[in-house]
Amino acid sequence: MTRLTGRRVLVVEDEALVAMLVEDALLDAGASVVGPAATVSEALSLLRTEKPDVAVLDLNLAGETSTPVADVLVQQGVPFVVATGYGAEGLPPSHAHVPVLAKPYDPDDLTAALGRLCG
């Protein structure tokens, strides 16, 4: 049993293979997956109907930034991790406090980071 057991995790990732690997790692850790969403509009649509406990966001989604999704997560009080190949400097100042996972990352590092956010 892990800290993610029974937790609902929103996955926002536009690379299908990465999204599948993330989903597998989360399921192995006992979480249920919300999504994955490949675009900002898909993620925002999910957030209108779903209430995740925690989330992982790819910073760049097919030419757009996931910042609008991050803003909604903050408003809803949902902690999240940002996954990016660009490092923390790609985050807007309003999200400078958010944990960043540098791509490529190990799935165990992702589940550990999300588990820490779950307490």
N, C-alpha and C. Protein backbone atom coordinates (compact mmCIF):
# COMPACT_ATOMS: atom_id res chain seq x y z
N MET A 1 0.84 -1.17 0.00
CA MET A 1 0.00 0.00 0.00
C MET A 1 0.89 1.25 0.00
N THR A 2 0.55 2.22 -0.84
CA THR A 2 1.32 3.46 -0.93
C THR A 2 0.44 4.65 -0.57
N ARG A 3 1.06 5.81 -0.51
CA ARG A 3 0.28 7.03 -0.23
C ARG A 3 -0.70 7.34 -1.36
N LEU A 4 -0.49 6.74 -2.51
CA LEU A 4 -1.39 6.98 -3.65
C LEU A 4 -2.56 6.01 -3.70
N THR A 5 -2.56 4.99 -2.84
CA THR A 5 -3.64 4.02 -2.85
C THR A 5 -4.98 4.71 -2.65
N GLY A 6 -5.88 4.50 -3.60
CA GLY A 6 -7.21 5.07 -3.52
C GLY A 6 -7.30 6.53 -3.94
N ARG A 7 -6.18 7.13 -4.30
CA ARG A 7 -6.18 8.55 -4.70
C ARG A 7 -6.52 8.67 -6.19
N ARG A 8 -7.19 9.76 -6.52
CA ARG A 8 -7.53 10.07 -7.92
C ARG A 8 -6.49 11.06 -8.45
N VAL A 9 -5.79 10.65 -9.51
CA VAL A 9 -4.69 11.46 -10.04
C VAL A 9 -5.03 11.92 -11.46
N LEU A 10 -5.09 13.23 -11.64
CA LEU A 10 -5.28 13.79 -12.97
C LEU A 10 -3.95 13.76 -13.70
N VAL A 11 -3.95 13.20 -14.90
CA VAL A 11 -2.75 13.15 -15.75
C VAL A 11 -2.99 14.05 -16.96
N VAL A 12 -2.12 15.05 -17.13
CA VAL A 12 -2.19 15.94 -18.28
C VAL A 12 -0.86 15.81 -19.02
N GLU A 13 -0.91 15.11 -20.15
CA GLU A 13 0.30 14.77 -20.91
C GLU A 13 -0.09 14.57 -22.37
N ASP A 14 0.62 15.26 -23.28
CA ASP A 14 0.26 15.16 -24.69
C ASP A 14 1.01 14.07 -25.46
N GLU A 15 2.03 13.49 -24.89
CA GLU A 15 2.74 12.40 -25.55
C GLU A 15 2.11 11.09 -25.11
N ALA A 16 1.50 10.38 -26.06
CA ALA A 16 0.71 9.19 -25.75
C ALA A 16 1.53 8.13 -25.01
N LEU A 17 2.76 7.88 -25.44
CA LEU A 17 3.57 6.85 -24.79
C LEU A 17 3.88 7.23 -23.35
N VAL A 18 4.23 8.48 -23.13
CA VAL A 18 4.51 8.95 -21.76
C VAL A 18 3.26 8.84 -20.91
N ALA A 19 2.11 9.23 -21.46
CA ALA A 19 0.85 9.15 -20.72
C ALA A 19 0.55 7.71 -20.32
N MET A 20 0.81 6.76 -21.22
CA MET A 20 0.56 5.35 -20.90
C MET A 20 1.50 4.87 -19.80
N LEU A 21 2.76 5.26 -19.86
CA LEU A 21 3.72 4.86 -18.82
C LEU A 21 3.34 5.45 -17.47
N VAL A 22 2.92 6.70 -17.47
CA VAL A 22 2.49 7.35 -16.23
C VAL A 22 1.26 6.65 -15.67
N GLU A 23 0.30 6.37 -16.54
CA GLU A 23 -0.92 5.68 -16.11
C GLU A 23 -0.59 4.33 -15.49
N ASP A 24 0.28 3.56 -16.14
CA ASP A 24 0.68 2.26 -15.60
C ASP A 24 1.33 2.39 -14.23
N ALA A 25 2.23 3.37 -14.08
CA ALA A 25 2.92 3.56 -12.79
C ALA A 25 1.93 3.93 -11.70
N LEU A 26 0.96 4.78 -12.03
CA LEU A 26 -0.02 5.20 -11.03
C LEU A 26 -0.94 4.05 -10.64
N LEU A 27 -1.36 3.27 -11.62
CA LEU A 27 -2.21 2.11 -11.32
C LEU A 27 -1.45 1.11 -10.46
N ASP A 28 -0.16 0.90 -10.77
CA ASP A 28 0.66 -0.01 -9.96
C ASP A 28 0.80 0.49 -8.52
N ALA A 29 0.74 1.82 -8.33
CA ALA A 29 0.85 2.41 -7.00
C ALA A 29 -0.49 2.46 -6.27
N GLY A 30 -1.55 1.95 -6.92
CA GLY A 30 -2.85 1.88 -6.27
C GLY A 30 -3.77 3.07 -6.52
N ALA A 31 -3.34 3.99 -7.38
CA ALA A 31 -4.15 5.17 -7.68
C ALA A 31 -5.14 4.87 -8.79
N SER A 32 -6.15 5.72 -8.90
CA SER A 32 -7.01 5.68 -10.08
C SER A 32 -6.68 6.93 -10.90
N VAL A 33 -6.74 6.78 -12.21
CA VAL A 33 -6.30 7.84 -13.11
C VAL A 33 -7.50 8.61 -13.66
N VAL A 34 -7.42 9.92 -13.58
CA VAL A 34 -8.39 10.81 -14.22
C VAL A 34 -7.72 11.28 -15.50
N GLY A 35 -8.31 10.96 -16.64
CA GLY A 35 -7.69 11.27 -17.93
C GLY A 35 -7.07 10.02 -18.51
N PRO A 36 -5.97 10.15 -19.18
CA PRO A 36 -5.15 11.34 -19.35
C PRO A 36 -5.76 12.34 -20.33
N ALA A 37 -5.42 13.60 -20.12
CA ALA A 37 -5.84 14.68 -21.00
C ALA A 37 -4.62 15.13 -21.80
N ALA A 38 -4.79 15.28 -23.11
CA ALA A 38 -3.67 15.65 -23.97
C ALA A 38 -3.64 17.14 -24.30
N THR A 39 -4.70 17.85 -23.95
CA THR A 39 -4.78 19.29 -24.25
C THR A 39 -5.30 20.04 -23.03
N VAL A 40 -5.09 21.34 -23.06
CA VAL A 40 -5.62 22.18 -21.98
C VAL A 40 -7.13 22.08 -21.93
N SER A 41 -7.79 22.11 -23.09
CA SER A 41 -9.26 22.06 -23.09
C SER A 41 -9.77 20.74 -22.54
N GLU A 42 -9.11 19.63 -22.86
CA GLU A 42 -9.52 18.33 -22.30
C GLU A 42 -9.36 18.33 -20.78
N ALA A 43 -8.24 18.86 -20.30
CA ALA A 43 -7.99 18.88 -18.85
C ALA A 43 -9.01 19.76 -18.14
N LEU A 44 -9.30 20.92 -18.70
CA LEU A 44 -10.27 21.82 -18.07
C LEU A 44 -11.66 21.20 -18.07
N SER A 45 -11.99 20.48 -19.13
CA SER A 45 -13.28 19.78 -19.20
C SER A 45 -13.37 18.72 -18.10
N LEU A 46 -12.30 17.95 -17.92
CA LEU A 46 -12.28 16.94 -16.85
C LEU A 46 -12.45 17.59 -15.48
N LEU A 47 -11.81 18.74 -15.28
CA LEU A 47 -11.89 19.40 -13.97
C LEU A 47 -13.27 19.97 -13.67
N ARG A 48 -14.10 20.11 -14.69
CA ARG A 48 -15.48 20.55 -14.45
C ARG A 48 -16.34 19.42 -13.89
N THR A 49 -15.93 18.16 -14.14
CA THR A 49 -16.75 17.02 -13.71
C THR A 49 -16.05 16.10 -12.72
N GLU A 50 -14.75 16.17 -12.63
CA GLU A 50 -13.97 15.28 -11.76
C GLU A 50 -13.28 16.09 -10.67
N LYS A 51 -13.02 15.43 -9.54
CA LYS A 51 -12.31 16.08 -8.44
C LYS A 51 -11.10 15.21 -8.08
N PRO A 52 -9.96 15.47 -8.75
CA PRO A 52 -8.77 14.69 -8.42
C PRO A 52 -8.22 15.08 -7.05
N ASP A 53 -7.47 14.15 -6.47
CA ASP A 53 -6.79 14.43 -5.20
C ASP A 53 -5.45 15.12 -5.43
N VAL A 54 -4.85 14.83 -6.59
CA VAL A 54 -3.53 15.32 -6.94
C VAL A 54 -3.40 15.23 -8.46
N ALA A 55 -2.41 15.93 -9.03
CA ALA A 55 -2.27 15.92 -10.49
C ALA A 55 -0.81 16.00 -10.91
N VAL A 56 -0.56 15.54 -12.13
CA VAL A 56 0.73 15.72 -12.79
C VAL A 56 0.45 16.40 -14.12
N LEU A 57 1.15 17.52 -14.36
CA LEU A 57 0.95 18.31 -15.57
C LEU A 57 2.23 18.38 -16.38
N ASP A 58 2.14 18.05 -17.65
CA ASP A 58 3.21 18.37 -18.59
C ASP A 58 3.10 19.87 -18.81
N LEU A 59 4.20 20.59 -18.73
CA LEU A 59 4.14 22.04 -18.85
C LEU A 59 3.74 22.48 -20.26
N ASN A 60 4.29 21.82 -21.27
CA ASN A 60 4.01 22.20 -22.65
C ASN A 60 3.19 21.13 -23.33
N LEU A 61 2.03 21.52 -23.81
CA LEU A 61 1.10 20.60 -24.45
C LEU A 61 0.86 21.03 -25.89
N ALA A 62 1.51 20.37 -26.83
CA ALA A 62 1.29 20.63 -28.25
C ALA A 62 1.24 22.12 -28.58
N GLY A 63 2.24 22.84 -28.12
CA GLY A 63 2.34 24.26 -28.44
C GLY A 63 1.63 25.20 -27.49
N GLU A 64 0.98 24.69 -26.48
CA GLU A 64 0.35 25.56 -25.48
C GLU A 64 0.84 25.17 -24.10
N THR A 65 0.77 26.09 -23.18
CA THR A 65 1.21 25.83 -21.82
C THR A 65 0.04 25.36 -20.97
N SER A 66 0.33 24.52 -19.99
CA SER A 66 -0.73 24.00 -19.11
C SER A 66 -1.03 24.94 -17.94
N THR A 67 -0.53 26.16 -17.99
CA THR A 67 -0.76 27.13 -16.92
C THR A 67 -2.24 27.32 -16.58
N PRO A 68 -3.17 27.39 -17.57
CA PRO A 68 -4.58 27.53 -17.20
C PRO A 68 -5.09 26.36 -16.35
N VAL A 69 -4.57 25.17 -16.60
CA VAL A 69 -4.96 24.00 -15.81
C VAL A 69 -4.40 24.16 -14.40
N ALA A 70 -3.15 24.58 -14.30
CA ALA A 70 -2.53 24.80 -12.99
C ALA A 70 -3.31 25.84 -12.19
N ASP A 71 -3.76 26.89 -12.86
CA ASP A 71 -4.53 27.93 -12.17
C ASP A 71 -5.82 27.36 -11.57
N VAL A 72 -6.52 26.52 -12.32
CA VAL A 72 -7.76 25.91 -11.81
C VAL A 72 -7.45 24.96 -10.66
N LEU A 73 -6.37 24.19 -10.77
CA LEU A 73 -6.00 23.28 -9.68
C LEU A 73 -5.73 24.07 -8.40
N VAL A 74 -5.05 25.19 -8.52
CA VAL A 74 -4.79 26.03 -7.34
C VAL A 74 -6.11 26.53 -6.76
N GLN A 75 -7.01 26.99 -7.61
CA GLN A 75 -8.32 27.47 -7.14
C GLN A 75 -9.09 26.37 -6.42
N GLN A 76 -8.96 25.13 -6.91
CA GLN A 76 -9.68 24.00 -6.31
C GLN A 76 -8.93 23.37 -5.14
N GLY A 77 -7.73 23.85 -4.86
CA GLY A 77 -6.96 23.30 -3.75
C GLY A 77 -6.36 21.93 -4.02
N VAL A 78 -6.11 21.63 -5.29
CA VAL A 78 -5.55 20.33 -5.68
C VAL A 78 -4.04 20.49 -5.88
N PRO A 79 -3.23 19.79 -5.09
CA PRO A 79 -1.78 19.88 -5.28
C PRO A 79 -1.36 19.18 -6.57
N PHE A 80 -0.26 19.65 -7.15
CA PHE A 80 0.19 19.05 -8.41
C PHE A 80 1.69 19.16 -8.57
N VAL A 81 2.20 18.32 -9.47
CA VAL A 81 3.60 18.30 -9.88
C VAL A 81 3.63 18.69 -11.35
N VAL A 82 4.63 19.47 -11.74
CA VAL A 82 4.81 19.82 -13.14
C VAL A 82 5.97 19.00 -13.70
N ALA A 83 5.72 18.34 -14.82
CA ALA A 83 6.76 17.58 -15.51
C ALA A 83 7.18 18.37 -16.74
N THR A 84 8.47 18.62 -16.88
CA THR A 84 8.94 19.42 -18.00
C THR A 84 10.39 19.13 -18.33
N GLY A 85 10.72 19.31 -19.57
CA GLY A 85 12.10 19.21 -20.00
C GLY A 85 12.80 20.55 -19.93
N TYR A 86 12.09 21.58 -19.50
CA TYR A 86 12.63 22.94 -19.50
C TYR A 86 13.08 23.42 -18.13
N GLY A 87 12.84 22.65 -17.09
CA GLY A 87 13.23 23.05 -15.75
C GLY A 87 12.26 24.04 -15.14
N ALA A 88 12.52 24.41 -13.91
CA ALA A 88 11.63 25.28 -13.15
C ALA A 88 11.52 26.68 -13.74
N GLU A 89 12.52 27.10 -14.52
CA GLU A 89 12.46 28.45 -15.08
C GLU A 89 11.32 28.62 -16.09
N GLY A 90 10.74 27.52 -16.56
CA GLY A 90 9.60 27.60 -17.47
C GLY A 90 8.29 27.89 -16.77
N LEU A 91 8.28 27.81 -15.44
CA LEU A 91 7.04 28.06 -14.68
C LEU A 91 6.79 29.55 -14.51
N PRO A 92 5.52 29.95 -14.57
CA PRO A 92 5.23 31.35 -14.26
C PRO A 92 5.48 31.60 -12.77
N PRO A 93 5.78 32.84 -12.39
CA PRO A 93 6.06 33.15 -10.98
C PRO A 93 4.96 32.69 -10.02
N SER A 94 3.72 32.69 -10.48
CA SER A 94 2.61 32.29 -9.60
C SER A 94 2.66 30.81 -9.22
N HIS A 95 3.44 30.03 -9.95
CA HIS A 95 3.55 28.60 -9.66
C HIS A 95 4.98 28.18 -9.32
N ALA A 96 5.79 29.15 -8.91
CA ALA A 96 7.19 28.87 -8.61
C ALA A 96 7.36 27.89 -7.45
N HIS A 97 6.34 27.75 -6.60
CA HIS A 97 6.39 26.87 -5.43
C HIS A 97 6.09 25.41 -5.77
N VAL A 98 5.64 25.15 -6.98
CA VAL A 98 5.19 23.81 -7.37
C VAL A 98 6.38 22.89 -7.62
N PRO A 99 6.32 21.65 -7.12
CA PRO A 99 7.41 20.70 -7.40
C PRO A 99 7.53 20.44 -8.90
N VAL A 100 8.78 20.35 -9.37
CA VAL A 100 9.05 20.11 -10.79
C VAL A 100 9.80 18.81 -10.94
N LEU A 101 9.34 17.98 -11.88
CA LEU A 101 10.05 16.76 -12.26
C LEU A 101 10.66 17.01 -13.63
N ALA A 102 11.97 16.87 -13.73
CA ALA A 102 12.64 17.07 -15.01
C ALA A 102 12.46 15.85 -15.89
N LYS A 103 12.03 16.09 -17.12
CA LYS A 103 11.88 15.01 -18.10
C LYS A 103 13.24 14.74 -18.72
N PRO A 104 13.57 13.50 -19.00
CA PRO A 104 12.79 12.30 -18.67
C PRO A 104 12.95 11.97 -17.19
N TYR A 105 11.90 11.44 -16.60
CA TYR A 105 11.93 11.09 -15.19
C TYR A 105 11.58 9.62 -15.02
N ASP A 106 11.99 9.07 -13.89
CA ASP A 106 11.68 7.69 -13.54
C ASP A 106 10.26 7.66 -12.98
N PRO A 107 9.43 6.70 -13.39
CA PRO A 107 8.07 6.61 -12.85
C PRO A 107 8.03 6.54 -11.32
N ASP A 108 9.04 5.92 -10.72
CA ASP A 108 9.09 5.86 -9.25
C ASP A 108 9.26 7.25 -8.64
N ASP A 109 10.02 8.11 -9.33
CA ASP A 109 10.19 9.49 -8.85
C ASP A 109 8.86 10.23 -8.91
N LEU A 110 8.08 9.97 -9.96
CA LEU A 110 6.77 10.60 -10.08
C LEU A 110 5.84 10.15 -8.97
N THR A 111 5.74 8.84 -8.76
CA THR A 111 4.82 8.36 -7.72
C THR A 111 5.27 8.82 -6.33
N ALA A 112 6.58 8.91 -6.11
CA ALA A 112 7.08 9.41 -4.82
C ALA A 112 6.71 10.88 -4.64
N ALA A 113 6.88 11.69 -5.69
CA ALA A 113 6.56 13.12 -5.59
C ALA A 113 5.07 13.33 -5.35
N LEU A 114 4.23 12.58 -6.07
CA LEU A 114 2.79 12.70 -5.87
C LEU A 114 2.38 12.20 -4.49
N GLY A 115 3.02 11.14 -4.03
CA GLY A 115 2.74 10.61 -2.69
C GLY A 115 3.05 11.63 -1.61
N ARG A 116 4.15 12.37 -1.78
CA ARG A 116 4.50 13.42 -0.80
C ARG A 116 3.42 14.49 -0.75
N LEU A 117 2.84 14.81 -1.90
CA LEU A 117 1.78 15.82 -1.93
C LEU A 117 0.50 15.34 -1.25
N CYS A 118 0.33 14.02 -1.20
CA CYS A 118 -0.86 13.44 -0.57
C CYS A 118 -0.71 13.33 0.94
N GLY A 119 0.47 13.63 1.45
CA GLY A 119 0.67 13.60 2.90
C GLY A 119 1.17 12.30 3.34
